[in-house]
Protein backbone atom coordinates (compact mmCIF):
# COMPACT_ATOMS: atom_id res chain seq x y z
CA MET A 1 3.92 134.12 166.28
CA ARG A 2 0.58 135.02 167.79
CA ALA A 3 -0.31 137.04 164.66
CA CYS A 4 0.53 134.07 162.46
CA ALA A 5 -1.58 131.78 164.59
CA CYS A 6 -4.51 134.21 164.43
CA ALA A 7 -4.16 134.54 160.67
CA ALA A 8 -4.07 130.79 160.28
CA ALA A 9 -7.13 130.41 162.50
CA ALA A 10 -8.97 133.08 160.49
CA ALA A 11 -8.10 131.34 157.24
CA LEU A 12 -9.31 128.04 158.64
CA LEU A 13 -12.56 129.67 159.77
CA VAL A 14 -13.15 131.08 156.30
CA SER A 15 -12.41 127.68 154.79
CA VAL A 16 -14.77 125.86 157.17
CA SER A 17 -17.49 128.48 156.70
CA ALA A 18 -17.34 128.05 152.95
CA HIS A 19 -18.13 124.37 153.36
CA ALA A 20 -20.52 124.71 156.31
CA ALA A 21 -23.49 126.18 154.47
CA PRO A 22 -24.81 122.93 152.91
CA ALA A 23 -24.55 121.01 156.18
CA ASP A 24 -26.17 123.87 158.12
CA LYS A 25 -28.96 124.06 155.55
CA ASP A 26 -29.63 120.32 155.72
CA LEU A 27 -29.71 120.35 159.52
CA ARG A 28 -32.05 123.34 159.69
CA ALA A 29 -34.38 121.76 157.15
CA LEU A 30 -34.46 118.54 159.19
CA TYR A 31 -35.20 119.97 162.62
CA THR A 32 -37.56 122.65 161.28
CA SER A 33 -39.65 120.10 159.40
CA GLU A 34 -39.72 117.57 162.24
CA TRP A 35 -40.59 120.22 164.84
CA ALA A 36 -43.47 121.51 162.70
CA TRP A 37 -44.73 117.93 162.47
CA ARG A 38 -44.34 117.52 166.22
CA VAL A 39 -46.33 120.67 166.95
CA ALA A 40 -49.14 119.59 164.66
CA GLU A 41 -49.11 115.98 165.85
CA PHE A 42 -49.28 116.84 169.53
CA ALA A 43 -51.76 119.72 169.13
CA ASP A 44 -49.14 121.79 170.89
CA ASP A 45 -50.42 124.58 173.12
CA GLU A 46 -47.22 125.78 174.79
CA ASP A 47 -46.62 128.64 172.38
CA ASN A 48 -49.02 131.38 173.37
CA THR A 49 -48.48 133.17 170.08
CA ARG A 50 -50.40 130.45 168.25
CA PRO A 51 -54.19 130.06 168.30
CA VAL A 52 -55.79 127.68 170.78
CA PRO A 53 -55.76 124.22 169.13
CA ALA A 54 -59.10 122.88 167.93
CA ARG A 55 -58.28 119.29 168.84
CA LEU A 56 -56.54 117.00 171.29
CA PRO A 57 -53.67 114.78 170.17
CA HIS A 58 -54.12 111.12 169.32
CA VAL A 59 -52.29 108.83 171.73
CA ASP A 60 -53.44 105.36 170.59
CA ALA A 61 -50.96 102.55 169.89
CA LYS A 62 -51.06 103.06 166.11
CA THR A 63 -50.18 106.73 166.52
CA GLN A 64 -47.40 105.85 168.96
CA ALA A 65 -45.88 103.48 166.41
CA ALA A 66 -46.00 106.25 163.81
CA HIS A 67 -44.23 108.60 166.23
CA LEU A 68 -41.46 106.05 166.73
CA ALA A 69 -41.00 105.60 163.00
CA ARG A 70 -40.90 109.36 162.39
CA TRP A 71 -38.24 109.95 165.05
CA GLN A 72 -36.14 106.99 163.90
CA GLU A 73 -36.26 108.40 160.39
CA ALA A 74 -35.18 111.83 161.66
CA LEU A 75 -32.29 110.33 163.65
CA ALA A 76 -31.13 108.42 160.57
CA GLU A 77 -31.23 111.65 158.55
CA LEU A 78 -29.27 113.44 161.25
CA ALA A 79 -26.59 110.75 161.12
CA GLN A 80 -26.06 111.51 157.42
CA ILE A 81 -25.23 115.18 158.06
CA PRO A 82 -21.45 115.72 158.37
CA THR A 83 -21.20 117.30 161.81
CA GLY A 84 -17.61 118.38 161.18
CA GLN A 85 -18.91 120.74 158.49
CA LEU A 86 -21.45 122.47 160.70
CA SER A 87 -21.00 126.02 161.93
CA PRO A 88 -20.41 126.34 165.70
CA LYS A 89 -24.02 127.46 166.26
CA GLU A 90 -25.50 124.58 164.27
CA ALA A 91 -23.10 122.10 165.86
CA ILE A 92 -24.72 122.92 169.21
CA ASN A 93 -28.17 122.58 167.66
CA ALA A 94 -27.18 119.16 166.32
CA GLN A 95 -26.05 117.99 169.77
CA VAL A 96 -29.25 119.14 171.45
CA TYR A 97 -31.41 117.74 168.65
CA ARG A 98 -29.71 114.34 168.78
CA PHE A 99 -30.27 114.21 172.54
CA GLN A 100 -33.96 115.00 172.04
CA LEU A 101 -34.45 112.39 169.32
CA GLU A 102 -32.61 109.63 171.17
CA ASN A 103 -34.74 110.15 174.27
CA LEU A 104 -38.01 110.41 172.35
CA ILE A 105 -37.17 107.14 170.62
CA ALA A 106 -36.24 105.44 173.88
CA GLU A 107 -39.51 106.56 175.49
CA GLN A 108 -41.45 105.04 172.61
CA LYS A 109 -39.50 101.77 172.73
CA PHE A 110 -40.17 101.41 176.45
CA ARG A 111 -43.82 102.35 175.75
CA GLY A 112 -43.89 105.01 178.42
CA TYR A 113 -47.23 106.19 177.03
CA GLU A 114 -48.80 103.17 178.71
CA MET A 115 -48.28 104.90 182.06
CA PRO A 116 -49.86 108.36 181.47
CA ALA A 117 -50.76 108.96 185.13
CA ASN A 118 -48.86 108.81 188.39
CA SER A 119 -48.92 110.40 191.83
CA ASP A 120 -47.57 113.71 190.52
CA SER A 121 -49.15 114.27 187.11
CA ASN A 122 -51.73 112.84 184.76
CA PHE A 123 -53.42 113.37 181.41
CA TRP A 124 -56.73 114.56 182.86
CA GLY A 125 -55.02 117.30 184.85
CA GLU A 126 -53.34 118.95 181.85
CA PHE A 127 -56.47 120.99 181.14
CA ASP A 128 -55.63 123.35 183.99
CA TYR A 129 -52.66 124.45 181.91
CA ARG A 130 -54.47 124.39 178.59
CA SER A 131 -57.27 126.62 179.88
CA SER A 132 -54.89 129.14 181.46
CA ARG A 133 -53.26 130.27 178.22
CA PRO A 134 -54.42 133.56 176.67
CA PHE A 135 -57.68 133.47 174.74
CA ARG A 136 -57.63 136.42 172.35
CA SER A 137 -60.07 135.79 169.52
CA LEU A 138 -63.44 134.34 168.67
CA ASP A 139 -61.66 131.42 166.99
CA ASP A 140 -59.80 130.65 170.22
CA TYR A 141 -63.11 130.11 172.02
CA LYS A 142 -64.61 128.09 169.18
CA ASN A 143 -61.46 125.97 169.04
CA TRP A 144 -61.56 125.41 172.80
CA ILE A 145 -65.11 124.11 172.62
CA ALA A 146 -64.07 121.80 169.76
CA GLN A 147 -61.01 120.67 171.72
CA ILE A 148 -62.87 119.76 174.91
CA GLY A 149 -65.44 117.97 172.79
CA GLU A 150 -62.69 115.44 172.06
CA VAL A 151 -62.17 114.60 175.74
CA PRO A 152 -64.08 111.26 175.53
CA ARG A 153 -61.94 110.06 172.62
CA TYR A 154 -58.74 111.28 174.26
CA PHE A 155 -59.60 109.61 177.57
CA ALA A 156 -60.58 106.37 175.83
CA GLU A 157 -57.22 106.18 174.07
CA ASN A 158 -55.34 106.79 177.30
CA ILE A 159 -57.43 104.17 179.11
CA ALA A 160 -56.66 101.65 176.36
CA ASN A 161 -52.94 102.38 176.81
CA MET A 162 -53.25 101.95 180.56
CA ARG A 163 -54.89 98.57 180.06
CA LEU A 164 -51.93 97.50 177.93
CA GLY A 165 -49.63 98.66 180.70
CA LEU A 166 -51.64 96.73 183.28
CA ALA A 167 -51.35 93.56 181.23
CA ARG A 168 -47.55 93.66 181.31
CA GLY A 169 -47.07 95.06 184.80
CA PHE A 170 -46.06 98.51 183.58
CA THR A 171 -47.85 100.74 186.10
CA PRO A 172 -47.08 103.11 188.95
CA PRO A 173 -46.84 101.43 192.37
CA ARG A 174 -50.28 101.10 193.95
CA VAL A 175 -49.25 102.72 197.24
CA THR A 176 -48.56 106.02 195.48
CA LEU A 177 -51.98 106.26 193.82
CA GLN A 178 -54.18 106.33 196.90
CA GLY A 179 -56.56 109.30 196.81
CA ARG A 180 -55.44 110.47 193.38
CA GLY A 181 -58.87 109.75 191.93
CA ALA A 182 -60.28 112.67 193.90
CA SER A 183 -59.20 115.11 191.19
CA ILE A 184 -61.24 113.14 188.64
CA LEU A 185 -64.37 113.19 190.78
CA ALA A 186 -63.90 116.88 191.51
CA VAL A 187 -64.47 117.62 187.82
CA ALA A 188 -67.12 114.96 187.32
CA ASN A 189 -69.31 116.25 190.14
CA ALA A 190 -68.83 120.03 189.85
CA ARG A 191 -71.12 122.60 188.31
CA PRO A 192 -69.94 123.03 184.71
CA GLU A 193 -69.25 126.70 185.41
CA ASP A 194 -66.91 125.73 188.27
CA THR A 195 -64.64 123.49 186.19
CA THR A 196 -61.38 124.51 184.58
CA PHE A 197 -63.01 123.94 181.19
CA TYR A 198 -65.24 126.93 181.72
CA ALA A 199 -62.51 129.22 183.06
CA PRO A 200 -61.75 130.96 179.72
CA PHE A 201 -65.39 132.08 179.44
CA LYS A 202 -65.46 133.98 182.73
CA ALA A 203 -63.66 136.98 181.27
CA MET A 204 -63.92 137.31 177.50
CA PRO A 205 -62.41 140.09 175.34
CA ALA A 206 -64.64 143.03 174.50
CA THR A 207 -63.91 142.50 170.81
CA ILE A 208 -66.38 139.60 170.91
CA PRO A 209 -69.98 140.94 170.83
CA ALA A 210 -71.99 140.39 174.01
CA ALA A 211 -74.57 138.23 172.27
CA GLU A 212 -71.84 135.99 170.86
CA GLN A 213 -70.26 135.74 174.30
CA GLU A 214 -73.51 134.50 175.79
CA ARG A 215 -73.96 131.98 172.99
CA LEU A 216 -70.44 130.63 173.50
CA ARG A 217 -70.91 130.41 177.26
CA ALA A 218 -74.13 128.46 176.85
CA GLU A 219 -72.50 126.12 174.33
CA ALA A 220 -69.56 125.57 176.65
CA VAL A 221 -71.82 124.66 179.57
CA THR A 222 -73.66 122.17 177.38
CA VAL A 223 -70.48 120.50 176.12
CA ILE A 224 -68.99 120.32 179.61
CA ALA A 225 -72.16 118.83 181.10
CA THR A 226 -73.01 116.38 178.31
CA VAL A 227 -69.61 115.43 176.89
CA VAL A 228 -66.74 116.24 179.25
CA GLN A 229 -68.17 115.32 182.64
CA PRO A 230 -69.55 111.93 181.52
CA ALA A 231 -66.03 111.12 180.28
CA TYR A 232 -64.64 112.00 183.71
CA ARG A 233 -67.24 109.77 185.36
CA ASP A 234 -66.25 106.88 183.08
CA LEU A 235 -62.59 107.54 183.90
CA ALA A 236 -63.34 107.57 187.63
CA ARG A 237 -64.95 104.13 187.41
CA PHE A 238 -62.00 102.76 185.44
CA TRP A 239 -59.50 104.30 187.85
CA GLU A 240 -61.13 103.10 191.06
CA ASP A 241 -62.55 99.73 189.96
CA GLU A 242 -60.15 98.44 187.34
CA TYR A 243 -56.84 100.25 187.36
CA VAL A 244 -55.66 101.05 190.88
CA PRO A 245 -56.65 97.68 192.42
CA HIS A 246 -54.49 95.87 189.86
CA THR A 247 -51.42 98.11 189.75
CA ARG A 248 -48.12 96.67 190.89
CA THR A 249 -47.14 96.32 194.53
CA THR A 250 -43.39 96.70 193.86
CA LEU A 251 -41.68 100.12 193.97
CA ALA A 252 -38.48 99.93 191.95
CA ALA A 253 -38.19 100.98 188.33
CA GLU A 254 -35.87 98.00 187.97
CA ALA A 255 -38.86 95.77 188.85
CA LEU A 256 -40.66 96.91 185.68
CA PRO A 257 -40.36 94.99 182.40
CA ASP A 258 -36.75 95.39 181.21
CA GLY A 259 -36.40 97.49 184.34
CA LYS A 260 -32.63 97.91 184.58
CA ALA A 261 -32.42 99.28 181.05
CA TYR A 262 -35.48 101.43 181.65
CA TYR A 263 -34.06 103.01 184.80
CA HIS A 264 -30.71 103.64 183.14
CA GLN A 265 -32.50 105.41 180.31
CA GLN A 266 -34.51 107.52 182.75
CA ILE A 267 -31.25 108.70 184.33
CA VAL A 268 -29.81 109.54 180.91
CA GLU A 269 -32.95 111.46 179.95
CA TYR A 270 -33.22 113.50 183.14
CA ALA A 271 -29.60 113.86 184.25
CA THR A 272 -28.20 113.94 180.68
CA LEU A 273 -25.25 111.93 182.01
CA ALA A 274 -24.53 108.21 181.71
CA LYS A 275 -23.86 107.71 185.42
CA SER A 276 -24.63 104.40 187.10
CA PRO A 277 -27.10 104.18 190.01
CA ASP A 278 -24.24 103.13 192.31
CA GLU A 279 -22.15 106.16 191.32
CA ILE A 280 -25.07 108.53 191.90
CA HIS A 281 -25.92 106.88 195.23
CA ARG A 282 -22.35 107.28 196.54
CA LEU A 283 -22.22 110.89 195.39
CA GLY A 284 -25.50 111.61 197.16
CA LEU A 285 -24.31 110.12 200.44
CA ALA A 286 -21.13 112.21 200.33
CA GLU A 287 -22.97 115.43 199.53
CA VAL A 288 -25.57 114.86 202.25
CA ALA A 289 -22.78 114.37 204.80
CA LYS A 290 -21.03 117.58 203.66
CA LEU A 291 -24.21 119.64 203.75
CA HIS A 292 -25.19 118.17 207.11
CA GLY A 293 -22.05 119.67 208.61
CA GLN A 294 -22.91 123.08 207.17
CA MET A 295 -26.45 122.83 208.54
CA GLU A 296 -25.18 122.04 212.04
CA SER A 297 -22.91 125.08 211.87
CA VAL A 298 -25.84 127.35 210.99
CA MET A 299 -27.96 125.67 213.66
CA ARG A 300 -25.40 126.75 216.25
CA GLU A 301 -25.63 130.33 214.95
CA THR A 302 -29.28 130.41 215.97
CA GLY A 303 -28.36 129.73 219.58
CA PHE A 304 -30.30 126.46 219.72
CA LYS A 305 -28.93 124.25 222.52
CA GLY A 306 -30.22 120.82 221.50
CA ASP A 307 -29.00 118.34 218.91
CA PHE A 308 -29.80 118.26 215.19
CA THR A 309 -32.84 116.00 215.59
CA ALA A 310 -34.29 118.27 218.25
CA PHE A 311 -33.66 121.30 216.05
CA LEU A 312 -35.61 119.72 213.17
CA ALA A 313 -38.48 118.98 215.57
CA PHE A 314 -38.37 122.60 216.73
CA LEU A 315 -38.51 123.89 213.15
CA ARG A 316 -41.42 121.62 212.31
CA SER A 317 -43.49 122.72 215.30
CA ASP A 318 -42.71 126.30 216.34
CA PRO A 319 -45.52 128.62 215.18
CA ARG A 320 -43.11 131.49 214.39
CA PHE A 321 -42.17 129.66 211.17
CA TYR A 322 -45.72 129.32 209.82
CA VAL A 323 -48.52 131.59 208.67
CA THR A 324 -52.17 131.00 209.46
CA THR A 325 -53.88 132.07 206.21
CA PRO A 326 -53.27 131.17 202.57
CA GLN A 327 -53.11 134.83 201.60
CA ALA A 328 -50.35 135.46 204.11
CA LEU A 329 -48.21 132.78 202.45
CA LEU A 330 -48.88 134.25 199.01
CA ASP A 331 -48.02 137.72 200.30
CA ARG A 332 -44.70 136.57 201.76
CA ALA A 333 -43.79 134.86 198.48
CA ALA A 334 -44.66 138.03 196.55
CA TRP A 335 -42.48 140.15 198.86
CA ILE A 336 -39.49 137.86 198.29
CA ALA A 337 -40.01 137.94 194.52
CA LYS A 338 -40.08 141.75 194.54
CA GLU A 339 -36.93 141.88 196.66
CA PHE A 340 -35.12 139.93 193.95
CA ASP A 341 -36.38 142.39 191.33
CA GLY A 342 -34.35 145.09 193.04
CA LYS A 343 -31.17 143.02 192.76
CA ALA A 344 -31.63 141.46 189.32
CA ALA A 345 -29.59 143.97 187.29
CA LEU A 346 -26.56 143.39 189.51
CA TYR A 347 -26.35 139.73 188.53
CA PHE A 348 -27.90 139.50 185.07
CA GLY A 349 -27.36 141.53 181.92
CA LEU A 350 -30.38 140.48 179.90
CA LEU A 351 -33.68 140.34 181.81
CA PRO A 352 -36.82 138.67 180.44
CA ARG A 353 -39.67 140.81 179.19
CA ALA A 354 -42.24 138.35 180.54
CA ARG A 355 -43.68 138.75 184.02
CA PHE A 356 -45.23 136.06 186.21
CA ALA A 357 -48.27 135.80 188.45
CA ILE A 358 -48.27 134.21 191.91
CA ARG A 359 -51.24 131.90 192.39
CA PRO A 360 -52.31 129.17 194.81
CA VAL A 361 -52.22 125.56 193.66
CA PRO A 362 -55.80 124.53 192.69
CA ASP A 363 -57.70 122.97 195.60
CA ASP A 364 -58.43 119.66 193.86
CA ILE A 365 -54.75 118.76 193.41
CA ALA A 366 -53.17 120.66 196.31
CA PRO A 367 -53.18 117.73 198.82
CA PHE A 368 -50.90 115.71 196.54
CA TYR A 369 -48.99 118.52 194.86
CA THR A 370 -45.47 119.71 195.54
CA SER A 371 -44.88 122.81 197.66
CA ALA A 372 -44.65 125.01 194.58
CA ARG A 373 -44.07 124.96 190.86
CA GLY A 374 -42.97 127.72 188.51
CA GLY A 375 -42.61 128.38 184.82
CA LEU A 376 -43.83 130.58 182.01
CA GLY A 377 -45.97 133.33 183.49
CA GLU A 378 -46.76 131.55 186.74
CA TYR A 379 -45.45 130.75 190.21
CA LEU A 380 -47.83 128.32 191.93
CA VAL A 381 -47.64 128.26 195.73
CA ASN A 382 -49.27 125.40 197.63
CA THR A 383 -51.42 126.89 200.40
CA TYR A 384 -52.91 123.55 201.47
CA ASN A 385 -51.98 122.43 205.00
CA LEU A 386 -50.17 125.59 206.08
CA LYS A 387 -48.44 123.73 208.91
CA ALA A 388 -46.44 122.00 206.16
CA ARG A 389 -45.31 125.30 204.54
CA PRO A 390 -42.46 126.68 206.67
CA LEU A 391 -41.35 130.26 206.10
CA TYR A 392 -37.66 129.45 206.62
CA GLY A 393 -37.70 127.64 203.27
CA LEU A 394 -39.84 130.16 201.38
CA THR A 395 -36.98 132.33 200.12
CA ALA A 396 -35.16 129.39 198.54
CA LEU A 397 -38.44 128.06 197.17
CA THR A 398 -39.30 131.40 195.59
CA LEU A 399 -35.86 131.89 194.02
CA HIS A 400 -36.17 128.38 192.54
CA GLU A 401 -39.68 128.53 191.17
CA SER A 402 -40.00 132.22 190.20
CA ALA A 403 -37.01 134.50 189.51
CA PRO A 404 -34.19 133.96 188.85
CA GLY A 405 -35.27 130.30 188.56
CA HIS A 406 -37.93 128.79 186.32
CA ALA A 407 -40.06 131.90 185.72
CA PHE A 408 -36.87 133.71 184.65
CA GLN A 409 -34.89 131.12 182.68
CA MET A 410 -37.80 129.73 180.66
CA PRO A 411 -39.04 133.11 179.33
CA LEU A 412 -35.48 134.07 178.35
CA ALA A 413 -35.26 130.93 176.22
CA LEU A 414 -38.66 131.53 174.68
CA GLU A 415 -37.87 135.17 173.88
CA ASP A 416 -34.58 134.32 172.14
CA THR A 417 -35.62 134.04 168.50
CA SER A 418 -32.03 133.23 167.49
CA LEU A 419 -32.66 129.74 168.88
CA PRO A 420 -34.60 127.26 166.71
CA ASP A 421 -38.11 126.51 167.91
CA PHE A 422 -37.25 122.97 168.98
CA ARG A 423 -34.95 124.52 171.60
CA ARG A 424 -37.06 127.55 172.56
CA HIS A 425 -40.03 125.36 173.46
CA SER A 426 -38.23 122.39 175.01
CA TYR A 427 -37.15 121.69 178.57
CA ILE A 428 -34.23 119.49 179.63
CA SER A 429 -34.44 118.69 183.31
CA ALA A 430 -30.76 118.65 184.34
CA TYR A 431 -30.26 122.14 182.94
CA GLY A 432 -33.61 123.64 183.98
CA GLU A 433 -33.74 122.16 187.47
CA GLY A 434 -30.00 122.58 187.92
CA TRP A 435 -30.33 126.27 187.10
CA ALA A 436 -33.24 126.70 189.52
CA LEU A 437 -31.28 125.01 192.32
CA TYR A 438 -28.26 127.18 191.49
CA ALA A 439 -30.61 130.18 191.84
CA GLU A 440 -31.30 129.11 195.43
CA TRP A 441 -27.57 128.88 196.15
CA LEU A 442 -26.98 132.26 194.45
CA GLY A 443 -29.40 133.79 196.95
CA GLN A 444 -26.56 133.81 199.49
CA GLU A 445 -24.46 136.04 197.26
CA MET A 446 -27.46 138.25 196.51
CA GLY A 447 -28.15 138.81 200.21
CA MET A 448 -31.58 137.21 200.06
CA TYR A 449 -31.23 135.16 203.26
CA HIS A 450 -31.62 137.55 206.18
CA THR A 451 -31.50 135.21 209.19
CA PRO A 452 -29.69 132.01 210.13
CA TYR A 453 -33.08 130.28 209.82
CA ASP A 454 -33.35 131.45 206.20
CA ARG A 455 -29.84 130.15 205.49
CA PHE A 456 -30.68 126.88 207.21
CA GLY A 457 -33.77 126.71 204.98
CA MET A 458 -31.58 127.18 201.91
CA LEU A 459 -29.20 124.46 203.09
CA SER A 460 -32.14 122.21 203.89
CA PHE A 461 -33.26 122.62 200.29
CA GLN A 462 -29.74 121.80 199.07
CA VAL A 463 -29.59 118.68 201.21
CA TRP A 464 -33.13 117.79 200.09
CA ARG A 465 -31.88 117.62 196.49
CA ALA A 466 -28.69 115.79 197.45
CA ALA A 467 -30.82 113.31 199.40
CA ARG A 468 -32.83 112.74 196.25
CA LEU A 469 -29.75 111.17 194.67
CA VAL A 470 -29.68 108.69 197.54
CA VAL A 471 -33.41 108.02 197.67
CA ASP A 472 -34.05 107.78 193.92
CA THR A 473 -31.31 105.23 193.43
CA GLY A 474 -32.14 103.56 196.73
CA ILE A 475 -35.75 102.96 195.72
CA HIS A 476 -35.22 102.11 192.07
CA SER A 477 -31.98 100.14 192.21
CA LYS A 478 -31.22 99.08 195.79
CA GLY A 479 -34.51 97.71 197.06
CA TRP A 480 -35.41 100.51 199.48
CA SER A 481 -38.92 100.49 200.91
CA ARG A 482 -41.13 103.57 200.99
CA ASP A 483 -40.76 103.70 204.79
CA LYS A 484 -36.96 103.62 204.54
CA ALA A 485 -37.00 106.49 202.05
CA ILE A 486 -39.35 108.50 204.27
CA ALA A 487 -37.13 107.85 207.31
CA TYR A 488 -34.03 108.98 205.40
CA PHE A 489 -35.70 112.26 204.49
CA HIS A 490 -37.03 112.70 208.01
CA ASP A 491 -33.56 112.30 209.51
CA ASN A 492 -31.62 114.37 206.99
CA THR A 493 -33.90 117.20 205.83
CA ALA A 494 -36.06 119.85 207.49
CA LEU A 495 -39.07 119.08 205.29
CA PRO A 496 -42.43 118.76 207.09
CA GLU A 497 -43.94 115.28 207.35
CA HIS A 498 -46.67 115.90 204.76
CA GLU A 499 -44.15 117.25 202.27
CA ILE A 500 -41.84 114.28 202.80
CA GLU A 501 -44.55 111.75 201.95
CA THR A 502 -45.68 113.73 198.90
CA GLU A 503 -42.10 113.99 197.66
CA ILE A 504 -41.25 110.32 198.22
CA ASP A 505 -44.33 109.24 196.26
CA ARG A 506 -43.26 111.56 193.47
CA TYR A 507 -39.79 109.97 193.29
CA ILE A 508 -41.27 106.48 193.33
CA THR A 509 -43.49 107.20 190.34
CA TRP A 510 -41.03 109.37 188.41
CA PRO A 511 -37.75 107.40 188.36
CA GLY A 512 -34.61 109.31 187.46
CA GLN A 513 -36.13 112.78 187.45
CA ALA A 514 -35.03 113.50 191.00
CA THR A 515 -31.38 112.99 190.02
CA SER A 516 -31.42 115.97 187.66
CA TYR A 517 -31.51 118.77 190.25
CA TYR A 518 -28.32 118.33 192.21
CA LEU A 519 -26.31 116.97 189.29
CA GLY A 520 -27.38 119.98 187.24
CA GLU A 521 -26.51 122.46 189.97
CA MET A 522 -23.12 120.82 190.51
CA ALA A 523 -22.38 121.22 186.79
CA ILE A 524 -23.27 124.94 186.79
CA ARG A 525 -21.32 125.65 189.97
CA ALA A 526 -18.32 123.71 188.62
CA ALA A 527 -18.50 125.67 185.36
CA ARG A 528 -18.57 128.93 187.31
CA ALA A 529 -15.62 127.91 189.49
CA LYS A 530 -13.65 126.96 186.38
CA ALA A 531 -14.40 130.32 184.75
CA GLU A 532 -13.55 132.28 187.89
CA LYS A 533 -10.21 130.50 188.22
CA ALA A 534 -9.31 130.88 184.54
CA LEU A 535 -10.43 134.49 184.14
CA GLY A 536 -9.44 135.92 187.51
CA PRO A 537 -10.28 139.65 187.65
CA LYS A 538 -11.79 139.47 184.15
CA PHE A 539 -14.64 137.28 185.45
CA ASN A 540 -17.96 139.12 185.23
CA ILE A 541 -20.93 137.51 186.98
CA ARG A 542 -23.48 139.09 184.65
CA ALA A 543 -21.59 137.89 181.58
CA PHE A 544 -21.34 134.37 183.02
CA HIS A 545 -25.03 134.15 183.85
CA ASP A 546 -25.98 135.52 180.43
CA ALA A 547 -23.75 132.94 178.74
CA VAL A 548 -25.42 130.11 180.67
CA LEU A 549 -28.96 131.36 180.14
CA GLN A 550 -28.48 132.12 176.45
CA LEU A 551 -28.21 128.36 175.85
CA GLY A 552 -31.90 127.80 176.57
CA SER A 553 -32.16 124.23 177.84
CA VAL A 554 -29.34 121.86 176.92
CA PRO A 555 -27.65 118.64 178.06
CA LEU A 556 -24.92 119.25 180.63
CA PRO A 557 -22.02 118.38 178.27
CA VAL A 558 -23.17 121.22 176.00
CA LEU A 559 -23.09 123.60 178.97
CA ASP A 560 -19.50 122.56 179.70
CA GLN A 561 -18.50 123.26 176.10
CA ARG A 562 -20.14 126.70 176.19
CA ILE A 563 -18.22 127.73 179.30
CA ASP A 564 -14.97 126.55 177.73
CA SER A 565 -15.75 128.92 174.84
CA PHE A 566 -16.68 131.66 177.30
CA ILE A 567 -13.27 131.31 178.93
CA ALA A 568 -11.45 131.16 175.58
CA GLU A 569 -13.19 134.40 174.57
CA GLY A 570 -11.85 136.15 177.64
CA GLY A 571 -15.10 136.08 179.63
CA LYS A 572 -16.99 138.13 177.08
CA GLY A 573 -20.72 137.55 177.44
CA PRO A 574 -23.31 137.43 174.67
CA TYR A 575 -24.59 140.95 175.49
CA PRO A 576 -21.48 143.08 176.19
CA GLU A 577 -23.53 146.26 176.04
CA LEU A 578 -25.43 145.07 179.15
CA GLU A 579 -22.39 144.17 181.23
């Protein structure tokens, strides 16, 4: 009977495959063409294998309307492709591509481009990333000079969009923007050679003749001084005199134009799930309560005699948990990262070829930046205000931002040439942040937490992300004030005061994004538990991790489908030779 079933399944597979080719071909043609357009349109610089772009993208209203039309056209074309005739691989591509298009279209319809700056990120700060990519050829340097020469036009278009946002009340809350203009003035008033725009010229490849290097350096200084810095000075005047004083005084996303629909869409985009704010809020409260009990248990392991509030005060003030120099913090982070390297092969079959550097967050943005951020080739550690950088949380932070978190998952996706480019170079928050938070939790199994304080730090990071579910929905849907959100974090997490305020301002200005972390981690842990139960002794942790990471970055329902396949295949991973 089993043989007959297998034969029938094989015959069906042959039959489907015979009819799948046209649908696969049409889908590949669609997403390949649209992605190539997207790369060209946005002057994409995320693929380090391509030359440095010679221009900055256009972001004016006419261009935004053209983007909307192009994506609507692509979605209509996608709807005409018979998904039932796609191969399994292309069926996944279709799901991910549809998710991308639907969210790109929604962002255009809500005119999110009219709010290109908030307390966490902004269009003028993106040049730190652009200038840090590899510069390999003479053309790269010439293109960079041409690109930064477009800064005045690029800034003017963004300012025009911000004015449109101001006119309809579509702005970040004013309270979250205080002091953010300092990063503009830092560039406007610096020596040209001290700006990020000049950074690529400090160490140029020997293949470029010395005389040509000097000529390019001189040209760069001139363009920075006469073109770029005046644009920053104009932006500073607009920011301080016109924009910030007239931004909204409300906090909630639901207070924005068409706010309820906007907030719902932000949750869909970041969490990849159509959960209501009320549902997420209740889940967050329950998870915070559960984790709080675990934290109290670990607190007792330390021998501390006071209550939970007193223990948090102790952690925030005792000097044993803090370093006194920036380099000491960087060194501790590097040690933790190297410790993971020694354990990596026990938990992962395929390891990324790419390595990452550990660097401090730039001084001009550090006061308002998160504690760390990781990704392709880089783990940024915030060394500003060292009394707000506790060591008991550094292991979890490092596992999240470096390896096996962001600086591990993202290179694996990029290095997988079997994925189409629109997936290799894209990032979906629920998957990416969920994986990084899962990496923190996995640190227990890997033996990365050596003391009860380290384990408390890990749990404090877990409860931090669970508390985000409460705070994000509280602020954007339930009328919470900034002070109430700060108090909730103060009472339920071990974060330092400075970090709490920075984080709360980030959630206020980035609605929905904070829901992606814990919901994503819950999905990965649930998928693992399901596989462990179904496979029993056949469960292989390396095979499971490889199966999850091979996806790249996908909506959570696609992850669930992949693990169902993983179970059906008997727990066989994508790289059996590495298991």
